[in-house]
């Protein structure tokens, strides 16, 4: 992968993910985190929760240690966060919403200022 592509993916990921590795790990350990998201294949873990665990691993890596698989997941995260932000509920308590909880599983807290 070209360095320019890697830099763009990293920049987009950093824009989308506004939680630190420790904040995200702490969130993933909550019941609220585990209560949202689509579960596939009979697994007890949602897609977003699984993604969150992967994001924690990525956040703990140095830029030079990122693999092509990491970069592909980083692109996926950016796309998910952008799509999900566009679906913000109009008249709902965002703080305790499933919408926010789902975004947080993907490393983005919409109430947090970066």
PDB file of N, CA and C in Angstrom:
ATOM      1  N   UNK A   1       0.841  -1.180   0.000  1.00  0.00           N
ATOM      2  CA  UNK A   1       0.000   0.000   0.000  1.00  0.00           C
ATOM      3  C   UNK A   1       0.885   1.241   0.000  1.00  0.00           C
ATOM      4  N   UNK A   2       0.540   2.214  -0.811  1.00  0.00           N
ATOM      5  CA  UNK A   2       1.335   3.445  -0.914  1.00  0.00           C
ATOM      6  C   UNK A   2       1.286   4.224   0.391  1.00  0.00           C
ATOM      7  N   UNK A   3       2.394   4.910   0.698  1.00  0.00           N
ATOM      8  CA  UNK A   3       2.481   5.684   1.936  1.00  0.00           C
ATOM      9  C   UNK A   3       1.392   6.747   2.026  1.00  0.00           C
ATOM     10  N   UNK A   4       1.055   7.364   0.874  1.00  0.00           N
ATOM     11  CA  UNK A   4      -0.003   8.380   0.871  1.00  0.00           C
ATOM     12  C   UNK A   4      -1.336   7.784   1.307  1.00  0.00           C
ATOM     13  N   UNK A   5      -1.631   6.580   0.802  1.00  0.00           N
ATOM     14  CA  UNK A   5      -2.869   5.898   1.178  1.00  0.00           C
ATOM     15  C   UNK A   5      -2.873   5.586   2.668  1.00  0.00           C
ATOM     16  N   UNK A   6      -1.749   5.100   3.161  1.00  0.00           N
ATOM     17  CA  UNK A   6      -1.633   4.773   4.587  1.00  0.00           C
ATOM     18  C   UNK A   6      -1.849   6.024   5.437  1.00  0.00           C
ATOM     19  N   UNK A   7      -1.268   7.140   5.011  1.00  0.00           N
ATOM     20  CA  UNK A   7      -1.399   8.397   5.755  1.00  0.00           C
ATOM     21  C   UNK A   7      -2.849   8.879   5.759  1.00  0.00           C
ATOM     22  N   UNK A   8      -3.514   8.759   4.620  1.00  0.00           N
ATOM     23  CA  UNK A   8      -4.912   9.183   4.527  1.00  0.00           C
ATOM     24  C   UNK A   8      -5.796   8.316   5.419  1.00  0.00           C
ATOM     25  N   UNK A   9      -5.587   7.022   5.368  1.00  0.00           N
ATOM     26  CA  UNK A   9      -6.371   6.103   6.205  1.00  0.00           C
ATOM     27  C   UNK A   9      -6.143   6.412   7.680  1.00  0.00           C
ATOM     28  N   UNK A  10      -4.894   6.621   8.067  1.00  0.00           N
ATOM     29  CA  UNK A  10      -4.568   6.930   9.465  1.00  0.00           C
ATOM     30  C   UNK A  10      -5.216   8.237   9.894  1.00  0.00           C
ATOM     31  N   UNK A  11      -5.151   9.250   9.050  1.00  0.00           N
ATOM     32  CA  UNK A  11      -5.754  10.548   9.367  1.00  0.00           C
ATOM     33  C   UNK A  11      -7.273  10.414   9.515  1.00  0.00           C
ATOM     34  N   UNK A  12      -7.918   9.708   8.587  1.00  0.00           N
ATOM     35  CA  UNK A  12      -9.368   9.512   8.653  1.00  0.00           C
ATOM     36  C   UNK A  12      -9.761   8.728   9.912  1.00  0.00           C
ATOM     37  N   UNK A  13      -8.987   7.714  10.243  1.00  0.00           N
ATOM     38  CA  UNK A  13      -9.238   6.901  11.439  1.00  0.00           C
ATOM     39  C   UNK A  13      -9.114   7.775  12.692  1.00  0.00           C
ATOM     40  N   UNK A  14      -8.059   8.574  12.749  1.00  0.00           N
ATOM     41  CA  UNK A  14      -7.842   9.442  13.907  1.00  0.00           C
ATOM     42  C   UNK A  14      -8.961  10.476  14.040  1.00  0.00           C
ATOM     43  N   UNK A  15      -9.538  10.875  12.923  1.00  0.00           N
ATOM     44  CA  UNK A  15     -10.665  11.811  12.938  1.00  0.00           C
ATOM     45  C   UNK A  15     -11.922  11.114  13.484  1.00  0.00           C
ATOM     46  N   UNK A  16     -12.111   9.870  13.102  1.00  0.00           N
ATOM     47  CA  UNK A  16     -13.316   9.133  13.497  1.00  0.00           C
ATOM     48  C   UNK A  16     -13.256   8.649  14.944  1.00  0.00           C
ATOM     49  N   UNK A  17     -12.108   8.186  15.375  1.00  0.00           N
ATOM     50  CA  UNK A  17     -11.960   7.599  16.712  1.00  0.00           C
ATOM     51  C   UNK A  17     -11.493   8.687  17.678  1.00  0.00           C
ATOM     52  N   UNK A  18     -12.388   9.070  18.581  1.00  0.00           N
ATOM     53  CA  UNK A  18     -12.040  10.126  19.526  1.00  0.00           C
ATOM     54  C   UNK A  18     -11.917   9.621  20.963  1.00  0.00           C
ATOM     55  N   UNK A  19     -11.854   8.305  21.112  1.00  0.00           N
ATOM     56  CA  UNK A  19     -11.655   7.703  22.431  1.00  0.00           C
ATOM     57  C   UNK A  19     -10.247   7.100  22.470  1.00  0.00           C
ATOM     58  N   UNK A  20      -9.612   7.199  23.621  1.00  0.00           N
ATOM     59  CA  UNK A  20      -8.291   6.581  23.777  1.00  0.00           C
ATOM     60  C   UNK A  20      -8.471   5.077  23.936  1.00  0.00           C
ATOM     61  N   UNK A  21      -7.371   4.347  23.817  1.00  0.00           N
ATOM     62  CA  UNK A  21      -7.425   2.893  23.988  1.00  0.00           C
ATOM     63  C   UNK A  21      -7.971   2.539  25.370  1.00  0.00           C
ATOM     64  N   UNK A  22      -7.529   3.242  26.401  1.00  0.00           N
ATOM     65  CA  UNK A  22      -7.993   2.922  27.759  1.00  0.00           C
ATOM     66  C   UNK A  22      -9.465   3.294  27.954  1.00  0.00           C
ATOM     67  N   UNK A  23      -9.903   4.425  27.380  1.00  0.00           N
ATOM     68  CA  UNK A  23     -11.320   4.805  27.471  1.00  0.00           C
ATOM     69  C   UNK A  23     -12.197   3.771  26.769  1.00  0.00           C
ATOM     70  N   UNK A  24     -11.769   3.351  25.589  1.00  0.00           N
ATOM     71  CA  UNK A  24     -12.543   2.383  24.823  1.00  0.00           C
ATOM     72  C   UNK A  24     -12.570   1.038  25.534  1.00  0.00           C
ATOM     73  N   UNK A  25     -11.434   0.595  26.056  1.00  0.00           N
ATOM     74  CA  UNK A  25     -11.395  -0.680  26.772  1.00  0.00           C
ATOM     75  C   UNK A  25     -12.322  -0.648  27.986  1.00  0.00           C
ATOM     76  N   UNK A  26     -12.309   0.450  28.713  1.00  0.00           N
ATOM     77  CA  UNK A  26     -13.193   0.591  29.881  1.00  0.00           C
ATOM     78  C   UNK A  26     -14.659   0.541  29.446  1.00  0.00           C
ATOM     79  N   UNK A  27     -14.981   1.215  28.350  1.00  0.00           N
ATOM     80  CA  UNK A  27     -16.346   1.219  27.825  1.00  0.00           C
ATOM     81  C   UNK A  27     -16.769  -0.191  27.413  1.00  0.00           C
ATOM     82  N   UNK A  28     -15.897  -0.910  26.722  1.00  0.00           N
ATOM     83  CA  UNK A  28     -16.240  -2.247  26.222  1.00  0.00           C
ATOM     84  C   UNK A  28     -16.552  -3.224  27.358  1.00  0.00           C
ATOM     85  N   UNK A  29     -16.061  -2.925  28.553  1.00  0.00           N
ATOM     86  CA  UNK A  29     -16.309  -3.792  29.706  1.00  0.00           C
ATOM     87  C   UNK A  29     -17.657  -3.531  30.370  1.00  0.00           C
ATOM     88  N   UNK A  30     -18.419  -2.546  29.891  1.00  0.00           N
ATOM     89  CA  UNK A  30     -19.705  -2.219  30.510  1.00  0.00           C
ATOM     90  C   UNK A  30     -20.841  -3.045  29.919  1.00  0.00           C
ATOM     91  N   UNK A  31     -21.909  -3.171  30.700  1.00  0.00           N
ATOM     92  CA  UNK A  31     -23.112  -3.851  30.216  1.00  0.00           C
ATOM     93  C   UNK A  31     -23.738  -3.077  29.059  1.00  0.00           C
ATOM     94  N   UNK A  32     -23.672  -1.734  29.119  1.00  0.00           N
ATOM     95  CA  UNK A  32     -24.250  -0.916  28.060  1.00  0.00           C
ATOM     96  C   UNK A  32     -23.588  -1.195  26.716  1.00  0.00           C
ATOM     97  N   UNK A  33     -22.282  -1.338  26.741  1.00  0.00           N
ATOM     98  CA  UNK A  33     -21.552  -1.629  25.511  1.00  0.00           C
ATOM     99  C   UNK A  33     -22.004  -2.951  24.909  1.00  0.00           C
ATOM    100  N   UNK A  34     -22.184  -3.925  25.771  1.00  0.00           N
ATOM    101  CA  UNK A  34     -22.525  -5.256  25.291  1.00  0.00           C
ATOM    102  C   UNK A  34     -24.009  -5.407  24.953  1.00  0.00           C
ATOM    103  N   UNK A  35     -24.807  -4.370  25.280  1.00  0.00           N
ATOM    104  CA  UNK A  35     -26.254  -4.458  25.058  1.00  0.00           C
ATOM    105  C   UNK A  35     -26.680  -4.021  23.661  1.00  0.00           C
ATOM    106  N   UNK A  36     -25.771  -3.458  22.878  1.00  0.00           N
ATOM    107  CA  UNK A  36     -26.149  -2.934  21.563  1.00  0.00           C
ATOM    108  C   UNK A  36     -25.383  -3.643  20.454  1.00  0.00           C
ATOM    109  N   UNK A  37     -25.913  -3.511  19.264  1.00  0.00           N
ATOM    110  CA  UNK A  37     -25.209  -4.023  18.089  1.00  0.00           C
ATOM    111  C   UNK A  37     -25.797  -5.308  17.563  1.00  0.00           C
ATOM    112  N   UNK A  38     -25.435  -5.579  16.330  1.00  0.00           N
ATOM    113  CA  UNK A  38     -25.924  -6.749  15.620  1.00  0.00           C
ATOM    114  C   UNK A  38     -24.994  -7.931  15.885  1.00  0.00           C
ATOM    115  N   UNK A  39     -25.583  -9.016  16.333  1.00  0.00           N
ATOM    116  CA  UNK A  39     -24.806 -10.232  16.579  1.00  0.00           C
ATOM    117  C   UNK A  39     -24.991 -11.166  15.393  1.00  0.00           C
ATOM    118  N   UNK A  40     -23.897 -11.745  14.932  1.00  0.00           N
ATOM    119  CA  UNK A  40     -23.991 -12.632  13.767  1.00  0.00           C
ATOM    120  C   UNK A  40     -23.501 -14.021  14.122  1.00  0.00           C
ATOM    121  N   UNK A  41     -24.048 -14.984  13.446  1.00  0.00           N
ATOM    122  CA  UNK A  41     -23.585 -16.355  13.584  1.00  0.00           C
ATOM    123  C   UNK A  41     -23.778 -16.949  14.961  1.00  0.00           C
ATOM    124  N   UNK A  42     -24.774 -16.475  15.705  1.00  0.00           N
ATOM    125  CA  UNK A  42     -25.044 -17.037  17.022  1.00  0.00           C
ATOM    126  C   UNK A  42     -24.025 -16.642  18.071  1.00  0.00           C
ATOM    127  N   UNK A  43     -23.099 -15.782  17.710  1.00  0.00           N
ATOM    128  CA  UNK A  43     -22.079 -15.317  18.644  1.00  0.00           C
ATOM    129  C   UNK A  43     -22.713 -14.426  19.700  1.00  0.00           C
ATOM    130  N   UNK A  44     -22.160 -14.439  20.894  1.00  0.00           N
ATOM    131  CA  UNK A  44     -22.661 -13.586  21.951  1.00  0.00           C
ATOM    132  C   UNK A  44     -22.158 -12.168  21.847  1.00  0.00           C
ATOM    133  N   UNK A  45     -21.214 -11.923  20.949  1.00  0.00           N
ATOM    134  CA  UNK A  45     -20.606 -10.604  20.817  1.00  0.00           C
ATOM    135  C   UNK A  45     -21.079  -9.927  19.535  1.00  0.00           C
ATOM    136  N   UNK A  46     -21.426  -8.643  19.656  1.00  0.00           N
ATOM    137  CA  UNK A  46     -21.877  -7.910  18.469  1.00  0.00           C
ATOM    138  C   UNK A  46     -20.682  -7.560  17.580  1.00  0.00           C
ATOM    139  N   UNK A  47     -20.988  -7.233  16.344  1.00  0.00           N
ATOM    140  CA  UNK A  47     -19.967  -6.827  15.382  1.00  0.00           C
ATOM    141  C   UNK A  47     -19.220  -5.591  15.883  1.00  0.00           C
ATOM    142  N   UNK A  48     -19.970  -4.620  16.415  1.00  0.00           N
ATOM    143  CA  UNK A  48     -19.355  -3.390  16.915  1.00  0.00           C
ATOM    144  C   UNK A  48     -18.458  -3.626  18.119  1.00  0.00           C
ATOM    145  N   UNK A  49     -18.880  -4.520  19.004  1.00  0.00           N
ATOM    146  CA  UNK A  49     -18.073  -4.809  20.189  1.00  0.00           C
ATOM    147  C   UNK A  49     -16.765  -5.482  19.771  1.00  0.00           C
ATOM    148  N   UNK A  50     -16.866  -6.406  18.848  1.00  0.00           N
ATOM    149  CA  UNK A  50     -15.668  -7.071  18.326  1.00  0.00           C
ATOM    150  C   UNK A  50     -14.750  -6.050  17.654  1.00  0.00           C
ATOM    151  N   UNK A  51     -15.352  -5.130  16.895  1.00  0.00           N
ATOM    152  CA  UNK A  51     -14.576  -4.073  16.249  1.00  0.00           C
ATOM    153  C   UNK A  51     -13.881  -3.212  17.294  1.00  0.00           C
ATOM    154  N   UNK A  52     -14.577  -2.902  18.370  1.00  0.00           N
ATOM    155  CA  UNK A  52     -13.988  -2.096  19.438  1.00  0.00           C
ATOM    156  C   UNK A  52     -12.738  -2.728  20.015  1.00  0.00           C
ATOM    157  N   UNK A  53     -12.779  -4.050  20.209  1.00  0.00           N
ATOM    158  CA  UNK A  53     -11.586  -4.745  20.727  1.00  0.00           C
ATOM    159  C   UNK A  53     -10.431  -4.606  19.738  1.00  0.00           C
ATOM    160  N   UNK A  54     -10.743  -4.698  18.464  1.00  0.00           N
ATOM    161  CA  UNK A  54      -9.715  -4.559  17.418  1.00  0.00           C
ATOM    162  C   UNK A  54      -9.169  -3.129  17.389  1.00  0.00           C
ATOM    163  N   UNK A  55     -10.053  -2.144  17.577  1.00  0.00           N
ATOM    164  CA  UNK A  55      -9.632  -0.742  17.597  1.00  0.00           C
ATOM    165  C   UNK A  55      -8.665  -0.499  18.760  1.00  0.00           C
ATOM    166  N   UNK A  56      -8.941  -1.084  19.911  1.00  0.00           N
ATOM    167  CA  UNK A  56      -8.037  -0.944  21.062  1.00  0.00           C
ATOM    168  C   UNK A  56      -6.643  -1.443  20.673  1.00  0.00           C
ATOM    169  N   UNK A  57      -6.579  -2.590  20.015  1.00  0.00           N
ATOM    170  CA  UNK A  57      -5.285  -3.132  19.578  1.00  0.00           C
ATOM    171  C   UNK A  57      -4.588  -2.170  18.614  1.00  0.00           C
ATOM    172  N   UNK A  58      -5.348  -1.626  17.673  1.00  0.00           N
ATOM    173  CA  UNK A  58      -4.781  -0.699  16.687  1.00  0.00           C
ATOM    174  C   UNK A  58      -4.263   0.564  17.374  1.00  0.00           C
ATOM    175  N   UNK A  59      -5.043   1.101  18.296  1.00  0.00           N
ATOM    176  CA  UNK A  59      -4.635   2.325  18.992  1.00  0.00           C
ATOM    177  C   UNK A  59      -3.345   2.135  19.780  1.00  0.00           C
ATOM    178  N   UNK A  60      -3.074   0.919  20.188  1.00  0.00           N
ATOM    179  CA  UNK A  60      -1.880   0.638  20.990  1.00  0.00           C
ATOM    180  C   UNK A  60      -0.647   0.357  20.130  1.00  0.00           C
ATOM    181  N   UNK A  61      -0.829   0.325  18.826  1.00  0.00           N
ATOM    182  CA  UNK A  61       0.295   0.073  17.918  1.00  0.00           C
ATOM    183  C   UNK A  61       0.941   1.378  17.472  1.00  0.00           C
ATOM    184  N   UNK A  62       2.213   1.278  17.134  1.00  0.00           N
ATOM    185  CA  UNK A  62       2.898   2.401  16.498  1.00  0.00           C
ATOM    186  C   UNK A  62       2.507   2.420  15.026  1.00  0.00           C
ATOM    187  N   UNK A  63       2.510   3.590  14.437  1.00  0.00           N
ATOM    188  CA  UNK A  63       2.092   3.744  13.038  1.00  0.00           C
ATOM    189  C   UNK A  63       2.852   2.785  12.116  1.00  0.00           C
ATOM    190  N   UNK A  64       4.133   2.630  12.339  1.00  0.00           N
ATOM    191  CA  UNK A  64       4.939   1.763  11.491  1.00  0.00           C
ATOM    192  C   UNK A  64       4.645   0.282  11.647  1.00  0.00           C
ATOM    193  N   UNK A  65       3.944  -0.077  12.712  1.00  0.00           N
ATOM    194  CA  UNK A  65       3.622  -1.483  12.963  1.00  0.00           C
ATOM    195  C   UNK A  65       2.251  -1.888  12.427  1.00  0.00           C
ATOM    196  N   UNK A  66       1.526  -0.938  11.829  1.00  0.00           N
ATOM    197  CA  UNK A  66       0.194  -1.246  11.304  1.00  0.00           C
ATOM    198  C   UNK A  66       0.292  -2.144  10.079  1.00  0.00           C
ATOM    199  N   UNK A  67      -0.503  -3.200  10.072  1.00  0.00           N
ATOM    200  CA  UNK A  67      -0.528  -4.138   8.948  1.00  0.00           C
ATOM    201  C   UNK A  67      -1.579  -3.691   7.936  1.00  0.00           C
ATOM    202  N   UNK A  68      -1.568  -4.325   6.777  1.00  0.00           N
ATOM    203  CA  UNK A  68      -2.598  -4.040   5.782  1.00  0.00           C
ATOM    204  C   UNK A  68      -3.985  -4.381   6.334  1.00  0.00           C
ATOM    205  N   UNK A  69      -4.091  -5.451   7.133  1.00  0.00           N
ATOM    206  CA  UNK A  69      -5.368  -5.807   7.762  1.00  0.00           C
ATOM    207  C   UNK A  69      -5.819  -4.716   8.733  1.00  0.00           C
ATOM    208  N   UNK A  70      -4.873  -4.176   9.490  1.00  0.00           N
ATOM    209  CA  UNK A  70      -5.199  -3.069  10.403  1.00  0.00           C
ATOM    210  C   UNK A  70      -5.744  -1.883   9.614  1.00  0.00           C
ATOM    211  N   UNK A  71      -5.062  -1.545   8.533  1.00  0.00           N
ATOM    212  CA  UNK A  71      -5.474  -0.404   7.714  1.00  0.00           C
ATOM    213  C   UNK A  71      -6.847  -0.638   7.089  1.00  0.00           C
ATOM    214  N   UNK A  72      -7.129  -1.858   6.678  1.00  0.00           N
ATOM    215  CA  UNK A  72      -8.447  -2.173   6.123  1.00  0.00           C
ATOM    216  C   UNK A  72      -9.521  -1.987   7.197  1.00  0.00           C
ATOM    217  N   UNK A  73      -9.222  -2.402   8.431  1.00  0.00           N
ATOM    218  CA  UNK A  73     -10.196  -2.217   9.507  1.00  0.00           C
ATOM    219  C   UNK A  73     -10.359  -0.731   9.841  1.00  0.00           C
ATOM    220  N   UNK A  74      -9.274   0.002   9.787  1.00  0.00           N
ATOM    221  CA  UNK A  74      -9.323   1.440  10.060  1.00  0.00           C
ATOM    222  C   UNK A  74     -10.226   2.146   9.042  1.00  0.00           C
ATOM    223  N   UNK A  75     -10.160   1.731   7.786  1.00  0.00           N
ATOM    224  CA  UNK A  75     -11.039   2.289   6.746  1.00  0.00           C
ATOM    225  C   UNK A  75     -12.495   1.959   7.059  1.00  0.00           C
ATOM    226  N   UNK A  76     -12.720   0.723   7.479  1.00  0.00           N
ATOM    227  CA  UNK A  76     -14.068   0.274   7.820  1.00  0.00           C
ATOM    228  C   UNK A  76     -14.627   1.104   8.983  1.00  0.00           C
ATOM    229  N   UNK A  77     -13.801   1.351   9.987  1.00  0.00           N
ATOM    230  CA  UNK A  77     -14.209   2.134  11.154  1.00  0.00           C
ATOM    231  C   UNK A  77     -14.607   3.543  10.733  1.00  0.00           C
ATOM    232  N   UNK A  78     -13.776   4.177   9.926  1.00  0.00           N
ATOM    233  CA  UNK A  78     -14.074   5.533   9.467  1.00  0.00           C
ATOM    234  C   UNK A  78     -15.404   5.572   8.728  1.00  0.00           C
ATOM    235  N   UNK A  79     -15.615   4.638   7.830  1.00  0.00           N
ATOM    236  CA  UNK A  79     -16.865   4.588   7.072  1.00  0.00           C
ATOM    237  C   UNK A  79     -18.072   4.378   7.970  1.00  0.00           C
ATOM    238  N   UNK A  80     -17.950   3.459   8.925  1.00  0.00           N
ATOM    239  CA  UNK A  80     -19.061   3.185   9.835  1.00  0.00           C
ATOM    240  C   UNK A  80     -19.409   4.431  10.645  1.00  0.00           C
ATOM    241  N   UNK A  81     -18.408   5.068  11.221  1.00  0.00           N
ATOM    242  CA  UNK A  81     -18.649   6.247  12.065  1.00  0.00           C
ATOM    243  C   UNK A  81     -19.316   7.350  11.247  1.00  0.00           C
ATOM    244  N   UNK A  82     -18.831   7.593  10.030  1.00  0.00           N
ATOM    245  CA  UNK A  82     -19.424   8.638   9.190  1.00  0.00           C
ATOM    246  C   UNK A  82     -20.888   8.331   8.870  1.00  0.00           C
ATOM    247  N   UNK A  83     -21.181   7.094   8.503  1.00  0.00           N
ATOM    248  CA  UNK A  83     -22.565   6.705   8.182  1.00  0.00           C
ATOM    249  C   UNK A  83     -23.464   6.812   9.415  1.00  0.00           C
ATOM    250  N   UNK A  84     -22.960   6.350  10.539  1.00  0.00           N
ATOM    251  CA  UNK A  84     -23.761   6.325  11.763  1.00  0.00           C
ATOM    252  C   UNK A  84     -24.012   7.739  12.304  1.00  0.00           C
ATOM    253  N   UNK A  85     -23.028   8.619  12.183  1.00  0.00           N
ATOM    254  CA  UNK A  85     -23.215  10.005  12.625  1.00  0.00           C
ATOM    255  C   UNK A  85     -24.333  10.684  11.831  1.00  0.00           C
ATOM    256  N   UNK A  86     -24.467  10.318  10.571  1.00  0.00           N
ATOM    257  CA  UNK A  86     -25.501  10.908   9.720  1.00  0.00           C
ATOM    258  C   UNK A  86     -26.900  10.460  10.139  1.00  0.00           C
ATOM    259  N   UNK A  87     -26.992   9.431  10.978  1.00  0.00           N
ATOM    260  CA  UNK A  87     -28.281   8.905  11.426  1.00  0.00           C
ATOM    261  C   UNK A  87     -28.630   9.377  12.837  1.00  0.00           C
ATOM    262  N   UNK A  88     -28.039  10.480  13.269  1.00  0.00           N
ATOM    263  CA  UNK A  88     -28.285  10.969  14.628  1.00  0.00           C
ATOM    264  C   UNK A  88     -29.781  11.129  14.880  1.00  0.00           C
ATOM    265  N   UNK A  89     -30.245  10.589  16.004  1.00  0.00           N
ATOM    266  CA  UNK A  89     -31.676  10.704  16.314  1.00  0.00           C
ATOM    267  C   UNK A  89     -32.071  12.165  16.549  1.00  0.00           C
ATOM    268  N   UNK A  90     -33.230  12.537  16.051  1.00  0.00           N
ATOM    269  CA  UNK A  90     -33.680  13.926  16.152  1.00  0.00           C
ATOM    270  C   UNK A  90     -34.164  14.283  17.553  1.00  0.00           C
ATOM    271  N   UNK A  91     -35.029  13.482  18.099  1.00  0.00           N
ATOM    272  CA  UNK A  91     -35.621  13.824  19.389  1.00  0.00           C
ATOM    273  C   UNK A  91     -35.438  12.672  20.369  1.00  0.00           C
ATOM    274  N   UNK A  92     -34.245  12.485  20.783  1.00  0.00           N
ATOM    275  CA  UNK A  92     -33.949  11.400  21.715  1.00  0.00           C
ATOM    276  C   UNK A  92     -32.870  11.876  22.663  1.00  0.00           C
ATOM    277  N   UNK A  93     -32.890  11.344  23.848  1.00  0.00           N
ATOM    278  CA  UNK A  93     -31.813  11.614  24.794  1.00  0.00           C
ATOM    279  C   UNK A  93     -30.576  10.902  24.266  1.00  0.00           C
ATOM    280  N   UNK A  94     -29.711  11.648  23.616  1.00  0.00           N
ATOM    281  CA  UNK A  94     -28.546  11.059  22.963  1.00  0.00           C
ATOM    282  C   UNK A  94     -27.617  10.404  23.988  1.00  0.00           C
ATOM    283  N   UNK A  95     -27.498  10.989  25.167  1.00  0.00           N
ATOM    284  CA  UNK A  95     -26.535  10.483  26.148  1.00  0.00           C
ATOM    285  C   UNK A  95     -26.730   9.005  26.464  1.00  0.00           C
ATOM    286  N   UNK A  96     -27.952   8.566  26.638  1.00  0.00           N
ATOM    287  CA  UNK A  96     -28.203   7.162  26.969  1.00  0.00           C
ATOM    288  C   UNK A  96     -28.787   6.373  25.818  1.00  0.00           C
ATOM    289  N   UNK A  97     -28.558   6.835  24.601  1.00  0.00           N
ATOM    290  CA  UNK A  97     -29.176   6.197  23.433  1.00  0.00           C
ATOM    291  C   UNK A  97     -28.367   5.014  22.910  1.00  0.00           C
ATOM    292  N   UNK A  98     -29.079   4.093  22.305  1.00  0.00           N
ATOM    293  CA  UNK A  98     -28.428   2.957  21.642  1.00  0.00           C
ATOM    294  C   UNK A  98     -27.540   3.466  20.511  1.00  0.00           C
ATOM    295  N   UNK A  99     -27.962   4.561  19.864  1.00  0.00           N
ATOM    296  CA  UNK A  99     -27.174   5.176  18.788  1.00  0.00           C
ATOM    297  C   UNK A  99     -25.783   5.552  19.304  1.00  0.00           C
ATOM    298  N   UNK A 100     -25.727   6.254  20.438  1.00  0.00           N
ATOM    299  CA  UNK A 100     -24.440   6.652  21.015  1.00  0.00           C
ATOM    300  C   UNK A 100     -23.645   5.425  21.445  1.00  0.00           C
ATOM    301  N   UNK A 101     -24.296   4.489  22.114  1.00  0.00           N
ATOM    302  CA  UNK A 101     -23.594   3.293  22.595  1.00  0.00           C
ATOM    303  C   UNK A 101     -22.964   2.526  21.436  1.00  0.00           C
ATOM    304  N   UNK A 102     -23.692   2.430  20.331  1.00  0.00           N
ATOM    305  CA  UNK A 102     -23.165   1.730  19.164  1.00  0.00           C
ATOM    306  C   UNK A 102     -21.937   2.453  18.613  1.00  0.00           C
ATOM    307  N   UNK A 103     -22.022   3.776  18.507  1.00  0.00           N
ATOM    308  CA  UNK A 103     -20.862   4.545  18.039  1.00  0.00           C
ATOM    309  C   UNK A 103     -19.670   4.371  18.974  1.00  0.00           C
ATOM    310  N   UNK A 104     -19.936   4.349  20.255  1.00  0.00           N
ATOM    311  CA  UNK A 104     -18.844   4.204  21.220  1.00  0.00           C
ATOM    312  C   UNK A 104     -18.151   2.850  21.078  1.00  0.00           C
ATOM    313  N   UNK A 105     -18.893   1.816  20.708  1.00  0.00           N
ATOM    314  CA  UNK A 105     -18.261   0.515  20.463  1.00  0.00           C
ATOM    315  C   UNK A 105     -17.260   0.607  19.314  1.00  0.00           C
ATOM    316  N   UNK A 106     -17.474   1.573  18.424  1.00  0.00           N
ATOM    317  CA  UNK A 106     -16.578   1.778  17.279  1.00  0.00           C
ATOM    318  C   UNK A 106     -15.558   2.875  17.576  1.00  0.00           C
ATOM    319  N   UNK A 107     -15.450   3.294  18.847  1.00  0.00           N
ATOM    320  CA  UNK A 107     -14.404   4.231  19.245  1.00  0.00           C
ATOM    321  C   UNK A 107     -14.757   5.700  19.145  1.00  0.00           C
ATOM    322  N   UNK A 108     -16.029   6.002  18.882  1.00  0.00           N
ATOM    323  CA  UNK A 108     -16.424   7.410  18.739  1.00  0.00           C
ATOM    324  C   UNK A 108     -17.534   7.753  19.732  1.00  0.00           C
ATOM    325  N   UNK A 109     -17.254   8.692  20.628  1.00  0.00           N
ATOM    326  CA  UNK A 109     -18.273   9.193  21.539  1.00  0.00           C
ATOM    327  C   UNK A 109     -18.757  10.529  20.988  1.00  0.00           C
ATOM    328  N   UNK A 110     -20.001  10.594  20.481  1.00  0.00           N
ATOM    329  CA  UNK A 110     -20.485  11.826  19.859  1.00  0.00           C
ATOM    330  C   UNK A 110     -20.628  12.988  20.855  1.00  0.00           C
ATOM    331  N   UNK A 111     -20.588  12.706  22.143  1.00  0.00           N
ATOM    332  CA  UNK A 111     -20.696  13.773  23.142  1.00  0.00           C
ATOM    333  C   UNK A 111     -19.328  14.304  23.560  1.00  0.00           C
ATOM    334  N   UNK A 112     -18.283  13.644  23.119  1.00  0.00           N
ATOM    335  CA  UNK A 112     -16.918  14.030  23.513  1.00  0.00           C
ATOM    336  C   UNK A 112     -16.341  15.022  22.513  1.00  0.00           C
ATOM    337  N   UNK A 113     -15.775  16.068  23.043  1.00  0.00           N
ATOM    338  CA  UNK A 113     -15.073  17.029  22.183  1.00  0.00           C
ATOM    339  C   UNK A 113     -13.621  16.567  22.075  1.00  0.00           C
ATOM    340  N   UNK A 114     -13.138  16.496  20.858  1.00  0.00           N
ATOM    341  CA  UNK A 114     -11.784  15.962  20.631  1.00  0.00           C
ATOM    342  C   UNK A 114     -10.724  16.948  20.998  1.00  0.00           C
TER     343      UNK A 114
END
